[in-house]
Amino acid sequence: MVSEEQLDAFRISGETVRVVRDEIEANDVLGIVVAWDESSVVIRKPSRRVVKLSRSYRYIPASEERHSGV
């Protein structure tokens, strides 16, 4: 699970994150961290749509290379 400190750093920097949900790269979500609670994270996608995702997914900077495996 992603830590509070990591989420806060992503939110403050405004850096685009990649949410890796499974092995298929097309299912990744790209966007910026807007808010979070104990179980979920709110991400604003480039299309300005907002999605609520589980904190159990992997959250990595979009600039980093995607590694397979969840």
Protein backbone atom coordinates (compact mmCIF):
# COMPACT_ATOMS: atom_id res chain seq x y z
CA MET A 1 0.00 0.00 0.00
CA VAL A 2 1.23 3.49 -0.84
CA SER A 3 2.22 5.58 2.19
CA GLU A 4 0.79 8.92 3.32
CA GLU A 5 4.20 10.54 2.76
CA GLN A 6 4.42 9.31 -0.85
CA LEU A 7 0.89 10.50 -1.64
CA ASP A 8 1.55 13.89 -0.04
CA ALA A 9 4.78 14.29 -2.04
CA PHE A 10 2.92 13.45 -5.29
CA ARG A 11 0.13 15.92 -4.43
CA ILE A 12 2.46 18.78 -3.50
CA SER A 13 4.71 18.35 -6.54
CA GLY A 14 1.80 17.97 -8.96
CA GLU A 15 3.78 15.20 -10.65
CA THR A 16 1.89 12.84 -12.95
CA VAL A 17 1.67 9.35 -11.47
CA ARG A 18 1.08 5.96 -13.07
CA VAL A 19 -1.30 3.63 -11.23
CA VAL A 20 -0.40 0.04 -12.13
CA ARG A 21 -3.51 -2.06 -11.60
CA ASP A 22 -2.51 -5.31 -13.32
CA GLU A 23 -0.12 -6.82 -15.88
CA ILE A 24 -1.76 -5.03 -18.85
CA GLU A 25 -0.19 -1.62 -19.50
CA ALA A 26 -3.36 -0.37 -21.24
CA ASN A 27 -5.16 -0.64 -17.88
CA ASP A 28 -2.79 1.80 -16.16
CA VAL A 29 -4.23 5.12 -15.01
CA LEU A 30 -2.19 8.31 -15.50
CA GLY A 31 -3.01 11.49 -13.60
CA ILE A 32 -2.27 13.65 -10.58
CA VAL A 33 -3.07 12.85 -6.96
CA VAL A 34 -5.91 15.03 -5.68
CA ALA A 35 -6.93 13.45 -2.36
CA TRP A 36 -6.91 10.19 -0.40
CA ASP A 37 -8.27 8.43 2.65
CA GLU A 38 -7.49 5.16 4.44
CA SER A 39 -8.59 2.92 1.55
CA SER A 40 -8.66 4.97 -1.66
CA VAL A 41 -6.93 7.66 -3.74
CA VAL A 42 -8.57 10.24 -6.01
CA ILE A 43 -6.70 10.80 -9.30
CA ARG A 44 -7.43 13.56 -11.85
CA LYS A 45 -6.77 12.24 -15.35
CA PRO A 46 -5.53 14.47 -18.23
CA SER A 47 -9.12 14.51 -19.55
CA ARG A 48 -10.05 16.20 -16.21
CA ARG A 49 -12.15 13.21 -15.22
CA VAL A 50 -11.67 12.12 -11.63
CA VAL A 51 -11.34 8.46 -10.62
CA LYS A 52 -11.26 6.86 -7.18
CA LEU A 53 -8.81 3.96 -6.95
CA SER A 54 -7.72 1.55 -4.23
CA ARG A 55 -4.56 2.34 -2.27
CA SER A 56 -3.48 -1.27 -2.75
CA TYR A 57 -2.40 -0.56 -6.36
CA ARG A 58 1.18 0.50 -7.19
CA TYR A 59 1.67 4.29 -7.53
CA ILE A 60 4.83 5.29 -9.39
CA PRO A 61 5.94 8.51 -11.11
CA ALA A 62 4.85 8.46 -14.77
CA SER A 63 8.42 9.38 -15.75
CA GLU A 64 9.72 6.06 -14.38
CA GLU A 65 9.77 2.94 -16.52
CA ARG A 66 6.88 0.57 -15.91
CA HIS A 67 7.95 -2.79 -14.50
CA SER A 68 5.69 -5.79 -14.98
CA GLY A 69 4.33 -7.38 -11.85
CA VAL A 70 1.91 -5.90 -9.37
